[in-house]
Structure formats: structure tokens, C-alpha cells
Amino acid sequence: MMMRSRLALLVAVLLAAAAALPAGADAAWTPIWNPRALVIYQVGNFAVIVYSIPYRKVKVLELVNVVSGETQPVGDGTTDYRLVLNVRDNAVGTTAMFQCVVRGRPGSRSNTWKLLSFKPYKQ
């Protein structure tokens, strides 16, 4: 009987600890095998568009291609996408690499997607 109560207590403690972790904290990043896939391009394009909203008087930034990326499940079918993007700055005619993190659920409405970060990529 003592063993059962200890086991029940251990299970309760482990469940409480797991519930306290942020979503996706235990999930590993998985490489994207085909960064040219349409859905990956769309995620990258979403990041560029959202990032450049303050500058939308002219089309300043434009996605050239997705160079590489990783995904991480965060629960309820939602996924984080960490992508390295090749982006053209049309104002000066140069390209640069950026890294972004986008959270969303494939096949969902656009208002469920979020740009979590967008910064110059440092190798």
C-alpha cells in the first residue's frame, strides 16, 4: 500500500512539473528537408511581409528564397518555424540573410500566425 501511494505521489509531481513547462519546451527542433516546399516559402513570405509592414509605402523587402529551416511542435497542431531567409532590399538593390521564427498552424487562418522574431542572420 505504501508503494502505491508513493507511486501516485511521484506521478502527480511529474504531471505538475510537466504542466509548468512552457509549451514546446521539451520538443526538439527538426530540420526542414525541403526549404523550397510551398508551405515553407509561404511561411517565410509571411515573415517578410509582417516585418516590413511599417515600410509598406513601397515594396521594400522581398523574399528571394528560404535557405534552410527547422520546425518545432508547440502543441494543438501549432508549429514554430525557424527559417533562414535570403531577402532582397528593393530600396538599395542588395540582398541579405535574415533569421525568423514564425508560429502557426498549417491550414489555419492568417490571424492565427505570429511573427516571433526577425533579425539579421549571423552564421
PDB file of N, CA and C in Angstrom:
ATOM      1  N   MET A   1       0.832  -1.193   0.000  1.00  0.00           N
ATOM      2  CA  MET A   1       0.000   0.000   0.000  1.00  0.00           C
ATOM      3  C   MET A   1       0.878   1.259   0.000  1.00  0.00           C
ATOM      4  N   MET A   2       1.961   1.226   0.786  1.00  0.00           N
ATOM      5  CA  MET A   2       2.868   2.364   0.867  1.00  0.00           C
ATOM      6  C   MET A   2       3.481   2.643  -0.503  1.00  0.00           C
ATOM      7  N   MET A   3       3.813   1.587  -1.250  1.00  0.00           N
ATOM      8  CA  MET A   3       4.417   1.720  -2.577  1.00  0.00           C
ATOM      9  C   MET A   3       3.444   2.400  -3.550  1.00  0.00           C
ATOM     10  N   ARG A   4       2.161   2.062  -3.475  1.00  0.00           N
ATOM     11  CA  ARG A   4       1.153   2.659  -4.361  1.00  0.00           C
ATOM     12  C   ARG A   4       1.006   4.157  -4.093  1.00  0.00           C
ATOM     13  N   SER A   5       1.014   4.540  -2.840  1.00  0.00           N
ATOM     14  CA  SER A   5       0.857   5.962  -2.514  1.00  0.00           C
ATOM     15  C   SER A   5       2.091   6.764  -2.953  1.00  0.00           C
ATOM     16  N   ARG A   6       3.275   6.157  -2.833  1.00  0.00           N
ATOM     17  CA  ARG A   6       4.488   6.834  -3.307  1.00  0.00           C
ATOM     18  C   ARG A   6       4.478   6.976  -4.827  1.00  0.00           C
ATOM     19  N   LEU A   7       4.020   5.923  -5.500  1.00  0.00           N
ATOM     20  CA  LEU A   7       3.921   5.965  -6.959  1.00  0.00           C
ATOM     21  C   LEU A   7       2.923   7.027  -7.398  1.00  0.00           C
ATOM     22  N   ALA A   8       1.786   7.096  -6.727  1.00  0.00           N
ATOM     23  CA  ALA A   8       0.769   8.100  -7.058  1.00  0.00           C
ATOM     24  C   ALA A   8       1.318   9.507  -6.823  1.00  0.00           C
ATOM     25  N   LEU A   9       2.053   9.692  -5.733  1.00  0.00           N
ATOM     26  CA  LEU A   9       2.656  10.990  -5.439  1.00  0.00           C
ATOM     27  C   LEU A   9       3.688  11.358  -6.497  1.00  0.00           C
ATOM     28  N   LEU A  10       4.507  10.401  -6.896  1.00  0.00           N
ATOM     29  CA  LEU A  10       5.518  10.642  -7.928  1.00  0.00           C
ATOM     30  C   LEU A  10       4.868  11.036  -9.255  1.00  0.00           C
ATOM     31  N   VAL A  11       3.821  10.333  -9.640  1.00  0.00           N
ATOM     32  CA  VAL A  11       3.111  10.653 -10.884  1.00  0.00           C
ATOM     33  C   VAL A  11       2.515  12.051 -10.801  1.00  0.00           C
ATOM     34  N   ALA A  12       1.925  12.405  -9.678  1.00  0.00           N
ATOM     35  CA  ALA A  12       1.331  13.732  -9.512  1.00  0.00           C
ATOM     36  C   ALA A  12       2.395  14.831  -9.616  1.00  0.00           C
ATOM     37  N   VAL A  13       3.544  14.601  -9.006  1.00  0.00           N
ATOM     38  CA  VAL A  13       4.631  15.586  -9.065  1.00  0.00           C
ATOM     39  C   VAL A  13       5.139  15.746 -10.495  1.00  0.00           C
ATOM     40  N   LEU A  14       5.318  14.631 -11.210  1.00  0.00           N
ATOM     41  CA  LEU A  14       5.781  14.698 -12.601  1.00  0.00           C
ATOM     42  C   LEU A  14       4.778  15.401 -13.498  1.00  0.00           C
ATOM     43  N   LEU A  15       3.492  15.142 -13.308  1.00  0.00           N
ATOM     44  CA  LEU A  15       2.467  15.818 -14.108  1.00  0.00           C
ATOM     45  C   LEU A  15       2.449  17.315 -13.823  1.00  0.00           C
ATOM     46  N   ALA A  16       2.595  17.691 -12.567  1.00  0.00           N
ATOM     47  CA  ALA A  16       2.625  19.116 -12.211  1.00  0.00           C
ATOM     48  C   ALA A  16       3.845  19.797 -12.811  1.00  0.00           C
ATOM     49  N   ALA A  17       4.989  19.114 -12.788  1.00  0.00           N
ATOM     50  CA  ALA A  17       6.207  19.693 -13.368  1.00  0.00           C
ATOM     51  C   ALA A  17       6.064  19.843 -14.874  1.00  0.00           C
ATOM     52  N   ALA A  18       5.473  18.855 -15.528  1.00  0.00           N
ATOM     53  CA  ALA A  18       5.281  18.938 -16.981  1.00  0.00           C
ATOM     54  C   ALA A  18       4.316  20.053 -17.347  1.00  0.00           C
ATOM     55  N   ALA A  19       3.289  20.266 -16.544  1.00  0.00           N
ATOM     56  CA  ALA A  19       2.328  21.326 -16.817  1.00  0.00           C
ATOM     57  C   ALA A  19       2.953  22.700 -16.639  1.00  0.00           C
ATOM     58  N   ALA A  20       3.961  22.813 -15.792  1.00  0.00           N
ATOM     59  CA  ALA A  20       4.614  24.098 -15.540  1.00  0.00           C
ATOM     60  C   ALA A  20       5.571  24.503 -16.652  1.00  0.00           C
ATOM     61  N   LEU A  21       5.992  23.560 -17.475  1.00  0.00           N
ATOM     62  CA  LEU A  21       6.910  23.877 -18.571  1.00  0.00           C
ATOM     63  C   LEU A  21       6.189  24.664 -19.657  1.00  0.00           C
ATOM     64  N   PRO A  22       6.848  25.608 -20.305  1.00  0.00           N
ATOM     65  CA  PRO A  22       6.225  26.294 -21.422  1.00  0.00           C
ATOM     66  C   PRO A  22       5.972  25.324 -22.559  1.00  0.00           C
ATOM     67  N   ALA A  23       4.942  25.626 -23.365  1.00  0.00           N
ATOM     68  CA  ALA A  23       4.591  24.752 -24.485  1.00  0.00           C
ATOM     69  C   ALA A  23       5.783  24.580 -25.411  1.00  0.00           C
ATOM     70  N   GLY A  24       6.056  23.363 -25.802  1.00  0.00           N
ATOM     71  CA  GLY A  24       7.139  23.083 -26.729  1.00  0.00           C
ATOM     72  C   GLY A  24       8.513  23.036 -26.100  1.00  0.00           C
ATOM     73  N   ALA A  25       8.587  23.195 -24.766  1.00  0.00           N
ATOM     74  CA  ALA A  25       9.889  23.249 -24.118  1.00  0.00           C
ATOM     75  C   ALA A  25      10.646  21.936 -24.249  1.00  0.00           C
ATOM     76  N   ASP A  26       9.908  20.822 -24.337  1.00  0.00           N
ATOM     77  CA  ASP A  26      10.591  19.539 -24.417  1.00  0.00           C
ATOM     78  C   ASP A  26      10.727  19.047 -25.854  1.00  0.00           C
ATOM     79  N   ALA A  27      10.181  19.774 -26.792  1.00  0.00           N
ATOM     80  CA  ALA A  27      10.239  19.353 -28.193  1.00  0.00           C
ATOM     81  C   ALA A  27      11.541  19.839 -28.829  1.00  0.00           C
ATOM     82  N   ALA A  28      12.107  18.999 -29.644  1.00  0.00           N
ATOM     83  CA  ALA A  28      13.364  19.341 -30.311  1.00  0.00           C
ATOM     84  C   ALA A  28      13.090  19.987 -31.658  1.00  0.00           C
ATOM     85  N   TRP A  29      14.018  20.804 -32.107  1.00  0.00           N
ATOM     86  CA  TRP A  29      13.940  21.382 -33.451  1.00  0.00           C
ATOM     87  C   TRP A  29      14.315  20.292 -34.451  1.00  0.00           C
ATOM     88  N   THR A  30      13.512  20.170 -35.503  1.00  0.00           N
ATOM     89  CA  THR A  30      13.730  19.176 -36.549  1.00  0.00           C
ATOM     90  C   THR A  30      14.057  19.896 -37.852  1.00  0.00           C
ATOM     91  N   PRO A  31      15.125  19.517 -38.539  1.00  0.00           N
ATOM     92  CA  PRO A  31      15.475  20.190 -39.802  1.00  0.00           C
ATOM     93  C   PRO A  31      14.378  20.036 -40.856  1.00  0.00           C
ATOM     94  N   ILE A  32      14.216  21.075 -41.654  1.00  0.00           N
ATOM     95  CA  ILE A  32      13.302  21.034 -42.797  1.00  0.00           C
ATOM     96  C   ILE A  32      14.093  20.451 -43.960  1.00  0.00           C
ATOM     97  N   TRP A  33      13.607  19.359 -44.512  1.00  0.00           N
ATOM     98  CA  TRP A  33      14.347  18.672 -45.567  1.00  0.00           C
ATOM     99  C   TRP A  33      14.213  19.348 -46.907  1.00  0.00           C
ATOM    100  N   ASN A  34      13.102  20.075 -47.136  1.00  0.00           N
ATOM    101  CA  ASN A  34      12.918  20.750 -48.413  1.00  0.00           C
ATOM    102  C   ASN A  34      12.517  22.207 -48.181  1.00  0.00           C
ATOM    103  N   PRO A  35      13.494  23.107 -48.045  1.00  0.00           N
ATOM    104  CA  PRO A  35      13.153  24.515 -47.805  1.00  0.00           C
ATOM    105  C   PRO A  35      12.457  25.169 -49.001  1.00  0.00           C
ATOM    106  N   ARG A  36      12.411  24.471 -50.151  1.00  0.00           N
ATOM    107  CA  ARG A  36      11.729  25.006 -51.332  1.00  0.00           C
ATOM    108  C   ARG A  36      10.255  24.621 -51.382  1.00  0.00           C
ATOM    109  N   ALA A  37       9.774  23.857 -50.399  1.00  0.00           N
ATOM    110  CA  ALA A  37       8.364  23.462 -50.371  1.00  0.00           C
ATOM    111  C   ALA A  37       7.484  24.713 -50.280  1.00  0.00           C
ATOM    112  N   LEU A  38       6.325  24.638 -50.918  1.00  0.00           N
ATOM    113  CA  LEU A  38       5.432  25.798 -50.987  1.00  0.00           C
ATOM    114  C   LEU A  38       5.050  26.310 -49.603  1.00  0.00           C
ATOM    115  N   VAL A  39       4.701  25.429 -48.684  1.00  0.00           N
ATOM    116  CA  VAL A  39       4.283  25.875 -47.360  1.00  0.00           C
ATOM    117  C   VAL A  39       5.420  26.594 -46.633  1.00  0.00           C
ATOM    118  N   ILE A  40       6.643  26.144 -46.801  1.00  0.00           N
ATOM    119  CA  ILE A  40       7.795  26.785 -46.158  1.00  0.00           C
ATOM    120  C   ILE A  40       8.037  28.162 -46.787  1.00  0.00           C
ATOM    121  N   TYR A  41       7.913  28.241 -48.110  1.00  0.00           N
ATOM    122  CA  TYR A  41       8.045  29.539 -48.784  1.00  0.00           C
ATOM    123  C   TYR A  41       6.979  30.510 -48.270  1.00  0.00           C
ATOM    124  N   GLN A  42       5.754  30.020 -48.108  1.00  0.00           N
ATOM    125  CA  GLN A  42       4.669  30.881 -47.635  1.00  0.00           C
ATOM    126  C   GLN A  42       4.919  31.377 -46.220  1.00  0.00           C
ATOM    127  N   VAL A  43       5.470  30.526 -45.372  1.00  0.00           N
ATOM    128  CA  VAL A  43       5.800  30.943 -44.001  1.00  0.00           C
ATOM    129  C   VAL A  43       6.884  32.030 -44.048  1.00  0.00           C
ATOM    130  N   GLY A  44       7.907  31.829 -44.855  1.00  0.00           N
ATOM    131  CA  GLY A  44       8.960  32.833 -44.996  1.00  0.00           C
ATOM    132  C   GLY A  44       8.438  34.138 -45.569  1.00  0.00           C
ATOM    133  N   ASN A  45       7.567  34.045 -46.568  1.00  0.00           N
ATOM    134  CA  ASN A  45       6.985  35.242 -47.173  1.00  0.00           C
ATOM    135  C   ASN A  45       6.114  35.994 -46.160  1.00  0.00           C
ATOM    136  N   PHE A  46       5.365  35.257 -45.344  1.00  0.00           N
ATOM    137  CA  PHE A  46       4.574  35.865 -44.272  1.00  0.00           C
ATOM    138  C   PHE A  46       5.482  36.675 -43.350  1.00  0.00           C
ATOM    139  N   ALA A  47       6.625  36.092 -42.961  1.00  0.00           N
ATOM    140  CA  ALA A  47       7.551  36.775 -42.060  1.00  0.00           C
ATOM    141  C   ALA A  47       8.058  38.078 -42.671  1.00  0.00           C
ATOM    142  N   VAL A  48       8.429  38.042 -43.944  1.00  0.00           N
ATOM    143  CA  VAL A  48       8.944  39.242 -44.621  1.00  0.00           C
ATOM    144  C   VAL A  48       7.852  40.307 -44.713  1.00  0.00           C
ATOM    145  N   ILE A  49       6.647  39.909 -45.071  1.00  0.00           N
ATOM    146  CA  ILE A  49       5.541  40.871 -45.201  1.00  0.00           C
ATOM    147  C   ILE A  49       5.218  41.511 -43.859  1.00  0.00           C
ATOM    148  N   VAL A  50       5.086  40.705 -42.813  1.00  0.00           N
ATOM    149  CA  VAL A  50       4.742  41.247 -41.493  1.00  0.00           C
ATOM    150  C   VAL A  50       5.850  42.151 -40.979  1.00  0.00           C
ATOM    151  N   TYR A  51       7.100  41.734 -41.165  1.00  0.00           N
ATOM    152  CA  TYR A  51       8.226  42.550 -40.706  1.00  0.00           C
ATOM    153  C   TYR A  51       8.270  43.900 -41.425  1.00  0.00           C
ATOM    154  N   SER A  52       7.907  43.911 -42.693  1.00  0.00           N
ATOM    155  CA  SER A  52       8.027  45.147 -43.471  1.00  0.00           C
ATOM    156  C   SER A  52       6.752  45.986 -43.486  1.00  0.00           C
ATOM    157  N   ILE A  53       5.750  45.645 -42.689  1.00  0.00           N
ATOM    158  CA  ILE A  53       4.504  46.423 -42.659  1.00  0.00           C
ATOM    159  C   ILE A  53       4.747  47.911 -42.410  1.00  0.00           C
ATOM    160  N   PRO A  54       5.611  48.303 -41.482  1.00  0.00           N
ATOM    161  CA  PRO A  54       5.821  49.744 -41.281  1.00  0.00           C
ATOM    162  C   PRO A  54       6.376  50.464 -42.519  1.00  0.00           C
ATOM    163  N   TYR A  55       6.957  49.735 -43.453  1.00  0.00           N
ATOM    164  CA  TYR A  55       7.592  50.340 -44.630  1.00  0.00           C
ATOM    165  C   TYR A  55       6.778  50.106 -45.896  1.00  0.00           C
ATOM    166  N   ARG A  56       5.524  49.777 -45.813  1.00  0.00           N
ATOM    167  CA  ARG A  56       4.748  49.310 -46.952  1.00  0.00           C
ATOM    168  C   ARG A  56       4.378  50.396 -47.966  1.00  0.00           C
ATOM    169  N   LYS A  57       4.876  51.602 -47.846  1.00  0.00           N
ATOM    170  CA  LYS A  57       4.596  52.605 -48.876  1.00  0.00           C
ATOM    171  C   LYS A  57       5.124  52.128 -50.216  1.00  0.00           C
ATOM    172  N   VAL A  58       6.245  51.461 -50.192  1.00  0.00           N
ATOM    173  CA  VAL A  58       6.794  50.803 -51.376  1.00  0.00           C
ATOM    174  C   VAL A  58       7.179  49.397 -50.942  1.00  0.00           C
ATOM    175  N   LYS A  59       7.288  48.492 -51.884  1.00  0.00           N
ATOM    176  CA  LYS A  59       7.660  47.118 -51.554  1.00  0.00           C
ATOM    177  C   LYS A  59       9.158  47.073 -51.301  1.00  0.00           C
ATOM    178  N   VAL A  60       9.553  47.353 -50.065  1.00  0.00           N
ATOM    179  CA  VAL A  60      10.964  47.470 -49.731  1.00  0.00           C
ATOM    180  C   VAL A  60      11.636  46.100 -49.662  1.00  0.00           C
ATOM    181  N   LEU A  61      11.094  45.190 -48.846  1.00  0.00           N
ATOM    182  CA  LEU A  61      11.704  43.875 -48.689  1.00  0.00           C
ATOM    183  C   LEU A  61      10.912  42.824 -49.461  1.00  0.00           C
ATOM    184  N   GLU A  62      11.652  41.902 -50.068  1.00  0.00           N
ATOM    185  CA  GLU A  62      11.033  40.838 -50.860  1.00  0.00           C
ATOM    186  C   GLU A  62      11.798  39.536 -50.616  1.00  0.00           C
ATOM    187  N   LEU A  63      11.058  38.463 -50.363  1.00  0.00           N
ATOM    188  CA  LEU A  63      11.683  37.170 -50.144  1.00  0.00           C
ATOM    189  C   LEU A  63      12.234  36.637 -51.458  1.00  0.00           C
ATOM    190  N   VAL A  64      13.525  36.309 -51.457  1.00  0.00           N
ATOM    191  CA  VAL A  64      14.148  35.670 -52.616  1.00  0.00           C
ATOM    192  C   VAL A  64      13.941  34.168 -52.497  1.00  0.00           C
ATOM    193  N   ASN A  65      14.366  33.589 -51.360  1.00  0.00           N
ATOM    194  CA  ASN A  65      14.162  32.166 -51.119  1.00  0.00           C
ATOM    195  C   ASN A  65      14.406  31.833 -49.657  1.00  0.00           C
ATOM    196  N   VAL A  66      13.941  30.661 -49.264  1.00  0.00           N
ATOM    197  CA  VAL A  66      14.219  30.122 -47.935  1.00  0.00           C
ATOM    198  C   VAL A  66      15.469  29.264 -48.078  1.00  0.00           C
ATOM    199  N   VAL A  67      16.501  29.591 -47.316  1.00  0.00           N
ATOM    200  CA  VAL A  67      17.781  28.898 -47.408  1.00  0.00           C
ATOM    201  C   VAL A  67      17.753  27.595 -46.609  1.00  0.00           C
ATOM    202  N   SER A  68      17.263  27.666 -45.388  1.00  0.00           N
ATOM    203  CA  SER A  68      17.186  26.485 -44.524  1.00  0.00           C
ATOM    204  C   SER A  68      16.189  26.771 -43.422  1.00  0.00           C
ATOM    205  N   GLY A  69      15.906  25.732 -42.644  1.00  0.00           N
ATOM    206  CA  GLY A  69      14.971  25.944 -41.549  1.00  0.00           C
ATOM    207  C   GLY A  69      14.785  24.723 -40.690  1.00  0.00           C
ATOM    208  N   GLU A  70      14.075  24.943 -39.597  1.00  0.00           N
ATOM    209  CA  GLU A  70      13.756  23.896 -38.642  1.00  0.00           C
ATOM    210  C   GLU A  70      12.339  24.127 -38.148  1.00  0.00           C
ATOM    211  N   THR A  71      11.715  23.061 -37.687  1.00  0.00           N
ATOM    212  CA  THR A  71      10.386  23.168 -37.093  1.00  0.00           C
ATOM    213  C   THR A  71      10.411  22.573 -35.695  1.00  0.00           C
ATOM    214  N   GLN A  72       9.457  23.061 -34.881  1.00  0.00           N
ATOM    215  CA  GLN A  72       9.320  22.557 -33.518  1.00  0.00           C
ATOM    216  C   GLN A  72       7.835  22.589 -33.162  1.00  0.00           C
ATOM    217  N   PRO A  73       7.237  21.431 -32.816  1.00  0.00           N
ATOM    218  CA  PRO A  73       5.836  21.443 -32.401  1.00  0.00           C
ATOM    219  C   PRO A  73       5.678  22.118 -31.042  1.00  0.00           C
ATOM    220  N   VAL A  74       4.600  22.898 -30.906  1.00  0.00           N
ATOM    221  CA  VAL A  74       4.350  23.562 -29.627  1.00  0.00           C
ATOM    222  C   VAL A  74       3.005  23.172 -29.017  1.00  0.00           C
ATOM    223  N   GLY A  75       2.267  22.279 -29.685  1.00  0.00           N
ATOM    224  CA  GLY A  75       1.002  21.788 -29.135  1.00  0.00           C
ATOM    225  C   GLY A  75      -0.196  22.244 -29.925  1.00  0.00           C
ATOM    226  N   ASP A  76      -1.280  21.492 -29.829  1.00  0.00           N
ATOM    227  CA  ASP A  76      -2.547  21.777 -30.514  1.00  0.00           C
ATOM    228  C   ASP A  76      -2.378  21.941 -32.020  1.00  0.00           C
ATOM    229  N   GLY A  77      -1.419  21.249 -32.607  1.00  0.00           N
ATOM    230  CA  GLY A  77      -1.199  21.341 -34.047  1.00  0.00           C
ATOM    231  C   GLY A  77      -0.425  22.575 -34.471  1.00  0.00           C
ATOM    232  N   THR A  78       0.006  23.378 -33.507  1.00  0.00           N
ATOM    233  CA  THR A  78       0.760  24.601 -33.793  1.00  0.00           C
ATOM    234  C   THR A  78       2.246  24.258 -33.871  1.00  0.00           C
ATOM    235  N   THR A  79       2.936  24.936 -34.777  1.00  0.00           N
ATOM    236  CA  THR A  79       4.348  24.672 -35.018  1.00  0.00           C
ATOM    237  C   THR A  79       5.129  25.975 -35.047  1.00  0.00           C
ATOM    238  N   ASP A  80       6.328  25.957 -34.493  1.00  0.00           N
ATOM    239  CA  ASP A  80       7.266  27.066 -34.662  1.00  0.00           C
ATOM    240  C   ASP A  80       8.160  26.739 -35.848  1.00  0.00           C
ATOM    241  N   TYR A  81       8.381  27.721 -36.705  1.00  0.00           N
ATOM    242  CA  TYR A  81       9.262  27.595 -37.864  1.00  0.00           C
ATOM    243  C   TYR A  81      10.418  28.552 -37.663  1.00  0.00           C
ATOM    244  N   ARG A  82      11.633  28.039 -37.594  1.00  0.00           N
ATOM    245  CA  ARG A  82      12.838  28.875 -37.513  1.00  0.00           C
ATOM    246  C   ARG A  82      13.509  28.778 -38.876  1.00  0.00           C
ATOM    247  N   LEU A  83      13.468  29.880 -39.627  1.00  0.00           N
ATOM    248  CA  LEU A  83      13.919  29.877 -41.019  1.00  0.00           C
ATOM    249  C   LEU A  83      15.057  30.864 -41.238  1.00  0.00           C
ATOM    250  N   VAL A  84      15.947  30.510 -42.148  1.00  0.00           N
ATOM    251  CA  VAL A  84      16.974  31.426 -42.641  1.00  0.00           C
ATOM    252  C   VAL A  84      16.503  31.857 -44.032  1.00  0.00           C
ATOM    253  N   LEU A  85      16.356  33.161 -44.206  1.00  0.00           N
ATOM    254  CA  LEU A  85      15.785  33.715 -45.429  1.00  0.00           C
ATOM    255  C   LEU A  85      16.802  34.556 -46.188  1.00  0.00           C
ATOM    256  N   ASN A  86      16.754  34.471 -47.502  1.00  0.00           N
ATOM    257  CA  ASN A  86      17.506  35.369 -48.369  1.00  0.00           C
ATOM    258  C   ASN A  86      16.501  36.437 -48.809  1.00  0.00           C
ATOM    259  N   VAL A  87      16.743  37.695 -48.407  1.00  0.00           N
ATOM    260  CA  VAL A  87      15.777  38.774 -48.609  1.00  0.00           C
ATOM    261  C   VAL A  87      16.414  39.891 -49.414  1.00  0.00           C
ATOM    262  N   ARG A  88      15.677  40.377 -50.406  1.00  0.00           N
ATOM    263  CA  ARG A  88      16.140  41.489 -51.243  1.00  0.00           C
ATOM    264  C   ARG A  88      15.575  42.791 -50.696  1.00  0.00           C
ATOM    265  N   ASP A  89      16.454  43.775 -50.551  1.00  0.00           N
ATOM    266  CA  ASP A  89      16.044  45.137 -50.187  1.00  0.00           C
ATOM    267  C   ASP A  89      15.935  45.918 -51.483  1.00  0.00           C
ATOM    268  N   ASN A  90      14.711  46.129 -51.946  1.00  0.00           N
ATOM    269  CA  ASN A  90      14.494  46.791 -53.229  1.00  0.00           C
ATOM    270  C   ASN A  90      14.852  48.276 -53.210  1.00  0.00           C
ATOM    271  N   ALA A  91      14.949  48.863 -52.023  1.00  0.00           N
ATOM    272  CA  ALA A  91      15.295  50.282 -51.941  1.00  0.00           C
ATOM    273  C   ALA A  91      16.745  50.526 -52.338  1.00  0.00           C
ATOM    274  N   VAL A  92      17.628  49.562 -52.022  1.00  0.00           N
ATOM    275  CA  VAL A  92      19.048  49.739 -52.342  1.00  0.00           C
ATOM    276  C   VAL A  92      19.584  48.681 -53.300  1.00  0.00           C
ATOM    277  N   GLY A  93      18.766  47.675 -53.609  1.00  0.00           N
ATOM    278  CA  GLY A  93      19.162  46.663 -54.582  1.00  0.00           C
ATOM    279  C   GLY A  93      20.113  45.608 -54.062  1.00  0.00           C
ATOM    280  N   THR A  94      20.132  45.373 -52.745  1.00  0.00           N
ATOM    281  CA  THR A  94      21.023  44.361 -52.181  1.00  0.00           C
ATOM    282  C   THR A  94      20.203  43.219 -51.574  1.00  0.00           C
ATOM    283  N   THR A  95      20.888  42.115 -51.314  1.00  0.00           N
ATOM    284  CA  THR A  95      20.250  41.022 -50.602  1.00  0.00           C
ATOM    285  C   THR A  95      20.998  40.777 -49.301  1.00  0.00           C
ATOM    286  N   ALA A  96      20.272  40.225 -48.331  1.00  0.00           N
ATOM    287  CA  ALA A  96      20.858  39.914 -47.029  1.00  0.00           C
ATOM    288  C   ALA A  96      20.138  38.710 -46.450  1.00  0.00           C
ATOM    289  N   MET A  97      20.810  38.049 -45.515  1.00  0.00           N
ATOM    290  CA  MET A  97      20.247  36.879 -44.856  1.00  0.00           C
ATOM    291  C   MET A  97      19.619  37.305 -43.529  1.00  0.00           C
ATOM    292  N   PHE A  98      18.432  36.762 -43.261  1.00  0.00           N
ATOM    293  CA  PHE A  98      17.727  37.018 -42.014  1.00  0.00           C
ATOM    294  C   PHE A  98      17.282  35.694 -41.422  1.00  0.00           C
ATOM    295  N   GLN A  99      17.149  35.673 -40.101  1.00  0.00           N
ATOM    296  CA  GLN A  99      16.580  34.518 -39.428  1.00  0.00           C
ATOM    297  C   GLN A  99      15.281  34.959 -38.772  1.00  0.00           C
ATOM    298  N   CYS A 100      14.240  34.153 -38.957  1.00  0.00           N
ATOM    299  CA  CYS A 100      12.957  34.483 -38.355  1.00  0.00           C
ATOM    300  C   CYS A 100      12.414  33.268 -37.617  1.00  0.00           C
ATOM    301  N   VAL A 101      11.516  33.538 -36.684  1.00  0.00           N
ATOM    302  CA  VAL A 101      10.746  32.485 -36.036  1.00  0.00           C
ATOM    303  C   VAL A 101       9.281  32.873 -36.186  1.00  0.00           C
ATOM    304  N   VAL A 102       8.511  31.952 -36.770  1.00  0.00           N
ATOM    305  CA  VAL A 102       7.085  32.160 -37.009  1.00  0.00           C
ATOM    306  C   VAL A 102       6.344  31.028 -36.316  1.00  0.00           C
ATOM    307  N   ARG A 103       5.245  31.367 -35.647  1.00  0.00           N
ATOM    308  CA  ARG A 103       4.401  30.357 -35.003  1.00  0.00           C
ATOM    309  C   ARG A 103       3.053  30.322 -35.705  1.00  0.00           C
ATOM    310  N   GLY A 104       2.617  29.118 -36.069  1.00  0.00           N
ATOM    311  CA  GLY A 104       1.320  28.990 -36.711  1.00  0.00           C
ATOM    312  C   GLY A 104       0.897  27.550 -36.878  1.00  0.00           C
ATOM    313  N   ARG A 105      -0.316  27.407 -37.375  1.00  0.00           N
ATOM    314  CA  ARG A 105      -0.891  26.091 -37.616  1.00  0.00           C
ATOM    315  C   ARG A 105      -1.188  25.977 -39.099  1.00  0.00           C
ATOM    316  N   PRO A 106      -0.486  25.089 -39.806  1.00  0.00           N
ATOM    317  CA  PRO A 106      -0.729  24.934 -41.244  1.00  0.00           C
ATOM    318  C   PRO A 106      -2.204  24.691 -41.538  1.00  0.00           C
ATOM    319  N   GLY A 107      -2.713  25.398 -42.541  1.00  0.00           N
ATOM    320  CA  GLY A 107      -4.108  25.262 -42.934  1.00  0.00           C
ATOM    321  C   GLY A 107      -5.060  26.153 -42.167  1.00  0.00           C
ATOM    322  N   SER A 108      -4.553  26.951 -41.222  1.00  0.00           N
ATOM    323  CA  SER A 108      -5.418  27.826 -40.435  1.00  0.00           C
ATOM    324  C   SER A 108      -5.475  29.221 -41.050  1.00  0.00           C
ATOM    325  N   ARG A 109      -6.321  30.048 -40.477  1.00  0.00           N
ATOM    326  CA  ARG A 109      -6.454  31.429 -40.946  1.00  0.00           C
ATOM    327  C   ARG A 109      -5.182  32.224 -40.662  1.00  0.00           C
ATOM    328  N   SER A 110      -5.020  33.289 -41.398  1.00  0.00           N
ATOM    329  CA  SER A 110      -3.803  34.098 -41.243  1.00  0.00           C
ATOM    330  C   SER A 110      -3.721  34.776 -39.881  1.00  0.00           C
ATOM    331  N   ASN A 111      -4.866  35.022 -39.216  1.00  0.00           N
ATOM    332  CA  ASN A 111      -4.811  35.710 -37.927  1.00  0.00           C
ATOM    333  C   ASN A 111      -4.324  34.811 -36.791  1.00  0.00           C
ATOM    334  N   THR A 112      -4.093  33.532 -37.068  1.00  0.00           N
ATOM    335  CA  THR A 112      -3.544  32.643 -36.042  1.00  0.00           C
ATOM    336  C   THR A 112      -2.028  32.533 -36.142  1.00  0.00           C
ATOM    337  N   TRP A 113      -1.421  33.162 -37.129  1.00  0.00           N
ATOM    338  CA  TRP A 113       0.027  33.112 -37.334  1.00  0.00           C
ATOM    339  C   TRP A 113       0.668  34.320 -36.665  1.00  0.00           C
ATOM    340  N   LYS A 114       1.868  34.114 -36.102  1.00  0.00           N
ATOM    341  CA  LYS A 114       2.576  35.204 -35.408  1.00  0.00           C
ATOM    342  C   LYS A 114       4.035  35.197 -35.799  1.00  0.00           C
ATOM    343  N   LEU A 115       4.561  36.382 -36.044  1.00  0.00           N
ATOM    344  CA  LEU A 115       5.995  36.552 -36.252  1.00  0.00           C
ATOM    345  C   LEU A 115       6.615  36.806 -34.886  1.00  0.00           C
ATOM    346  N   LEU A 116       7.419  35.856 -34.409  1.00  0.00           N
ATOM    347  CA  LEU A 116       8.013  35.973 -33.081  1.00  0.00           C
ATOM    348  C   LEU A 116       9.348  36.709 -33.100  1.00  0.00           C
ATOM    349  N   SER A 117      10.114  36.550 -34.182  1.00  0.00           N
ATOM    350  CA  SER A 117      11.374  37.289 -34.299  1.00  0.00           C
ATOM    351  C   SER A 117      11.785  37.385 -35.765  1.00  0.00           C
ATOM    352  N   PHE A 118      12.550  38.421 -36.064  1.00  0.00           N
ATOM    353  CA  PHE A 118      13.080  38.655 -37.414  1.00  0.00           C
ATOM    354  C   PHE A 118      14.336  39.488 -37.228  1.00  0.00           C
ATOM    355  N   LYS A 119      15.499  38.881 -37.498  1.00  0.00           N
ATOM    356  CA  LYS A 119      16.757  39.586 -37.256  1.00  0.00           C
ATOM    357  C   LYS A 119      17.787  39.173 -38.281  1.00  0.00           C
ATOM    358  N   PRO A 120      18.815  39.993 -38.477  1.00  0.00           N
ATOM    359  CA  PRO A 120      19.891  39.620 -39.393  1.00  0.00           C
ATOM    360  C   PRO A 120      20.499  38.284 -38.970  1.00  0.00           C
ATOM    361  N   TYR A 121      20.808  37.452 -39.937  1.00  0.00           N
ATOM    362  CA  TYR A 121      21.345  36.120 -39.665  1.00  0.00           C
ATOM    363  C   TYR A 121      22.862  36.205 -39.502  1.00  0.00           C
ATOM    364  N   LYS A 122      23.310  35.642 -38.387  1.00  0.00           N
ATOM    365  CA  LYS A 122      24.757  35.566 -38.139  1.00  0.00           C
ATOM    366  C   LYS A 122      25.119  34.099 -38.075  1.00  0.00           C
ATOM    367  N   GLN A 123      25.997  33.671 -38.949  1.00  0.00           N
ATOM    368  CA  GLN A 123      26.361  32.255 -39.017  1.00  0.00           C
ATOM    369  C   GLN A 123      27.158  31.810 -37.838  1.00  0.00           C
TER     370      GLN A 123
END
